[in-house]
């Protein structure tokens, strides 16, 4: 048995890890725990619902340090992250340097960023993962699944399906107006207020194997976890 502790960016990622990734990796004798990074401002100035992003990298550093301290007497413990490249923190403590930000090839950029994360945390059992470009990328693998939850938008979903046909969903433009989540809400406005529950549900319906087939970088991460 291996133990895997995943630090998730928000509630949507946390729900995906708990409901879809955890039972999947149990087949490989990998026991998963998950906690999300706090994005709700400060104790004195909380933000209802959180910021929806990680404004600074320090919370990730603290979360991993605390978890490693808690697990220091346990064997076979591994750590990972599920953070979005879109709006990844760029503060002075972040591994997302200007040099890495300027790399035009997105797969090379994500590889360099994850390598920088590994060097920063200096933990041999840490397997960093950053999602290209955000969680909703995974839903673009099969947008027809959205009709299960939003049957009233069937016509719009069919148009969306045509738009996504043949595209590499991991390379969908990361500009705000063209990001995966904004593409979904442009066809289904209701998704925005329900994303933390509906998103993981749709990803579960699509299935890990389909996600691996259509998402190269996601596949690399899951394969590493399968083979811990």
Protein backbone atom coordinates (compact mmCIF):
# COMPACT_ATOMS: atom_id res chain seq x y z
CA UNK A 1 0.00 0.00 0.00
CA UNK A 2 1.19 3.48 -0.94
CA UNK A 3 -0.17 6.73 0.50
CA UNK A 4 -0.65 9.74 -1.76
CA UNK A 5 -1.43 13.20 -0.39
CA UNK A 6 -2.70 15.65 -3.01
CA UNK A 7 -2.89 19.42 -2.55
CA UNK A 8 -5.76 20.73 -4.68
CA UNK A 9 -6.30 24.28 -5.91
CA UNK A 10 -9.97 24.54 -4.99
CA UNK A 11 -13.21 22.75 -4.25
CA UNK A 12 -13.69 21.58 -7.85
CA UNK A 13 -10.29 19.87 -7.96
CA UNK A 14 -10.76 18.50 -4.46
CA UNK A 15 -14.10 16.91 -5.40
CA UNK A 16 -12.56 15.39 -8.53
CA UNK A 17 -9.73 13.85 -6.50
CA UNK A 18 -12.08 12.49 -3.85
CA UNK A 19 -14.84 11.14 -6.09
CA UNK A 20 -12.98 10.04 -9.22
CA UNK A 21 -9.24 9.78 -8.69
CA UNK A 22 -9.36 8.17 -5.23
CA UNK A 23 -11.43 5.10 -6.22
CA UNK A 24 -9.47 4.77 -9.47
CA UNK A 25 -6.07 4.69 -7.76
CA UNK A 26 -7.36 2.27 -5.13
CA UNK A 27 -7.17 -0.33 -7.91
CA UNK A 28 -3.40 0.22 -7.87
CA UNK A 29 -3.17 -0.01 -4.06
CA UNK A 30 -2.63 3.74 -3.76
CA UNK A 31 -4.57 5.29 -0.88
CA UNK A 32 -5.35 8.97 -1.58
CA UNK A 33 -5.91 11.89 0.79
CA UNK A 34 -6.65 15.41 -0.41
CA UNK A 35 -6.71 18.91 1.00
CA UNK A 36 -7.29 22.16 -0.81
CA UNK A 37 -5.32 25.37 -0.59
CA UNK A 38 -7.16 28.13 1.24
CA UNK A 39 -8.13 30.87 -1.24
CA UNK A 40 -10.63 32.78 0.89
CA UNK A 41 -8.54 35.80 1.86
CA UNK A 42 -7.34 36.17 5.45
CA UNK A 43 -8.93 35.43 8.81
CA UNK A 44 -9.59 39.14 9.26
CA UNK A 45 -10.79 39.63 5.70
CA UNK A 46 -12.40 36.40 4.49
CA UNK A 47 -13.77 36.16 0.98
CA UNK A 48 -16.97 34.17 0.66
CA UNK A 49 -16.44 31.28 -1.75
CA UNK A 50 -12.72 31.98 -2.00
CA UNK A 51 -10.88 33.73 -4.78
CA UNK A 52 -11.16 30.83 -7.21
CA UNK A 53 -7.38 30.95 -7.62
CA UNK A 54 -4.20 30.91 -5.53
CA UNK A 55 -3.01 34.54 -5.27
CA UNK A 56 0.41 33.64 -3.82
CA UNK A 57 2.48 30.47 -3.76
CA UNK A 58 3.17 30.57 0.00
CA UNK A 59 -0.01 28.59 0.91
CA UNK A 60 1.18 25.71 -1.27
CA UNK A 61 4.58 25.76 0.42
CA UNK A 62 2.98 25.77 3.86
CA UNK A 63 0.52 23.00 3.00
CA UNK A 64 3.25 20.67 1.79
CA UNK A 65 5.54 21.45 4.73
CA UNK A 66 2.77 20.78 7.26
CA UNK A 67 1.77 17.54 5.60
CA UNK A 68 5.35 16.29 5.43
CA UNK A 69 5.82 17.08 9.12
CA UNK A 70 2.64 15.19 10.01
CA UNK A 71 3.66 12.14 7.97
CA UNK A 72 7.38 12.10 8.81
CA UNK A 73 7.18 8.79 10.69
CA UNK A 74 5.21 6.99 8.00
CA UNK A 75 6.67 5.00 5.11
CA UNK A 76 5.57 4.94 1.47
CA UNK A 77 4.07 8.44 1.53
CA UNK A 78 3.99 10.48 -1.67
CA UNK A 79 2.78 14.00 -2.40
CA UNK A 80 1.33 15.71 -5.45
CA UNK A 81 -0.64 18.77 -6.49
CA UNK A 82 -3.57 19.57 -8.74
CA UNK A 83 -3.11 23.24 -9.57
CA UNK A 84 -4.16 25.20 -12.67
CA UNK A 85 -1.63 26.78 -15.01
CA UNK A 86 -4.21 29.48 -15.69
CA UNK A 87 -3.68 32.17 -13.01
CA UNK A 88 -0.82 30.20 -11.42
CA UNK A 89 0.74 32.54 -8.83
CA UNK A 90 3.63 34.65 -10.09
CA UNK A 91 4.81 36.25 -6.82
CA UNK A 92 8.42 36.29 -5.59
CA UNK A 93 8.13 32.86 -3.93
CA UNK A 94 6.53 31.19 -6.92
CA UNK A 95 8.54 28.79 -9.09
CA UNK A 96 6.70 30.21 -12.13
CA UNK A 97 9.54 32.49 -13.18
CA UNK A 98 9.40 35.00 -16.01
CA UNK A 99 11.67 32.72 -18.05
CA UNK A 100 9.22 29.84 -17.73
CA UNK A 101 6.23 32.09 -18.44
CA UNK A 102 7.87 33.12 -21.71
CA UNK A 103 8.25 29.56 -23.04
CA UNK A 104 5.85 29.43 -26.02
CA UNK A 105 5.44 25.64 -26.17
CA UNK A 106 2.85 24.86 -23.47
CA UNK A 107 4.05 21.31 -22.86
CA UNK A 108 7.63 22.47 -22.45
CA UNK A 109 6.44 25.31 -20.20
CA UNK A 110 4.52 22.94 -17.93
CA UNK A 111 7.48 20.55 -17.75
CA UNK A 112 9.82 23.38 -16.74
CA UNK A 113 7.33 24.66 -14.15
CA UNK A 114 6.88 21.24 -12.55
CA UNK A 115 10.65 20.73 -12.49
CA UNK A 116 11.02 24.11 -10.76
CA UNK A 117 8.37 23.09 -8.21
CA UNK A 118 10.23 19.84 -7.51
CA UNK A 119 13.50 21.72 -6.98
CA UNK A 120 11.86 24.31 -4.73
CA UNK A 121 10.22 21.78 -2.43
CA UNK A 122 13.20 19.40 -2.48
CA UNK A 123 11.12 16.36 -1.57
CA UNK A 124 12.05 13.05 -3.29
CA UNK A 125 8.48 11.74 -3.01
CA UNK A 126 6.87 14.89 -4.43
CA UNK A 127 5.26 14.54 -7.87
CA UNK A 128 4.11 18.04 -8.92
CA UNK A 129 1.23 18.35 -11.34
CA UNK A 130 -0.14 21.49 -12.97
CA UNK A 131 -3.26 21.23 -15.11
CA UNK A 132 -3.17 22.61 -18.64
CA UNK A 133 -4.82 25.14 -18.34
CA UNK A 134 -7.56 24.59 -15.78
CA UNK A 135 -9.84 21.84 -14.49
CA UNK A 136 -12.50 22.45 -17.16
CA UNK A 137 -10.00 21.30 -19.78
CA UNK A 138 -10.96 17.76 -18.75
CA UNK A 139 -14.64 18.40 -19.50
CA UNK A 140 -13.82 19.41 -23.07
CA UNK A 141 -12.78 15.81 -23.74
CA UNK A 142 -16.48 14.97 -24.18
CA UNK A 143 -18.76 18.00 -23.98
CA UNK A 144 -21.76 15.84 -24.91
CA UNK A 145 -21.77 14.62 -21.27
CA UNK A 146 -22.94 18.10 -20.27
CA UNK A 147 -26.35 17.32 -21.73
CA UNK A 148 -26.97 14.81 -18.92
CA UNK A 149 -27.06 17.67 -16.42
CA UNK A 150 -28.23 20.42 -18.78
CA UNK A 151 -30.69 18.76 -21.21
CA UNK A 152 -32.36 22.12 -21.87
CA UNK A 153 -29.12 23.23 -23.58
CA UNK A 154 -28.92 20.25 -25.94
CA UNK A 155 -28.80 22.40 -29.09
CA UNK A 156 -26.04 24.61 -27.70
CA UNK A 157 -24.08 21.57 -26.54
CA UNK A 158 -24.26 20.08 -30.04
CA UNK A 159 -22.76 23.30 -31.43
CA UNK A 160 -20.11 23.19 -28.70
CA UNK A 161 -19.31 19.59 -29.62
CA UNK A 162 -18.70 20.60 -33.24
CA UNK A 163 -16.42 23.44 -32.10
CA UNK A 164 -14.31 21.04 -30.00
CA UNK A 165 -14.06 18.33 -32.65
CA UNK A 166 -10.43 17.44 -33.39
CA UNK A 167 -8.94 19.95 -30.96
CA UNK A 168 -6.21 19.18 -28.43
CA UNK A 169 -8.12 20.28 -25.34
CA UNK A 170 -4.95 20.75 -23.27
CA UNK A 171 -3.87 23.50 -25.65
CA UNK A 172 -7.16 25.42 -25.61
CA UNK A 173 -6.34 29.12 -25.40
CA UNK A 174 -5.70 30.34 -21.85
CA UNK A 175 -6.85 33.91 -22.48
CA UNK A 176 -9.71 34.73 -20.07
CA UNK A 177 -12.36 35.03 -22.75
CA UNK A 178 -11.32 31.75 -24.41
CA UNK A 179 -10.42 29.63 -21.39
CA UNK A 180 -12.11 26.20 -21.06
CA UNK A 181 -14.45 27.35 -18.27
CA UNK A 182 -15.51 30.46 -20.19
CA UNK A 183 -16.14 28.39 -23.30
CA UNK A 184 -18.48 26.18 -21.27
CA UNK A 185 -20.33 29.10 -19.69
CA UNK A 186 -20.74 30.78 -23.07
CA UNK A 187 -22.95 27.81 -24.03
CA UNK A 188 -24.28 27.00 -20.55
CA UNK A 189 -24.36 30.12 -18.33
CA UNK A 190 -25.66 28.11 -15.36
CA UNK A 191 -22.43 26.13 -15.18
CA UNK A 192 -20.57 29.01 -13.52
CA UNK A 193 -22.56 28.86 -10.28
CA UNK A 194 -22.49 25.04 -10.12
CA UNK A 195 -18.99 24.26 -11.34
CA UNK A 196 -17.63 22.81 -8.08
CA UNK A 197 -20.30 20.09 -8.08
CA UNK A 198 -21.17 19.67 -11.76
CA UNK A 199 -17.56 19.76 -13.03
CA UNK A 200 -16.31 16.74 -11.04
CA UNK A 201 -19.54 14.87 -11.84
CA UNK A 202 -19.04 15.33 -15.58
CA UNK A 203 -15.36 14.35 -15.36
CA UNK A 204 -16.35 11.19 -13.49
CA UNK A 205 -18.89 10.41 -16.21
CA UNK A 206 -16.26 10.87 -18.94
CA UNK A 207 -13.95 8.48 -17.06
CA UNK A 208 -10.26 8.42 -16.26
CA UNK A 209 -9.36 6.25 -19.26
CA UNK A 210 -10.96 8.66 -21.74
CA UNK A 211 -9.29 11.60 -20.02
CA UNK A 212 -5.93 9.86 -20.29
CA UNK A 213 -6.42 9.13 -23.99
CA UNK A 214 -7.26 12.73 -24.86
CA UNK A 215 -4.99 14.62 -22.43
CA UNK A 216 -1.29 13.91 -22.86
CA UNK A 217 -0.04 15.71 -19.77
CA UNK A 218 -2.85 14.43 -17.55
CA UNK A 219 -2.03 10.93 -18.76
CA UNK A 220 1.62 11.34 -17.77
CA UNK A 221 0.58 12.33 -14.24
CA UNK A 222 -1.92 9.52 -13.76
CA UNK A 223 0.55 6.96 -15.12
CA UNK A 224 3.14 8.08 -12.55
CA UNK A 225 0.56 7.69 -9.79
CA UNK A 226 -0.47 4.27 -11.01
CA UNK A 227 3.14 3.13 -10.83
CA UNK A 228 4.13 4.48 -7.42
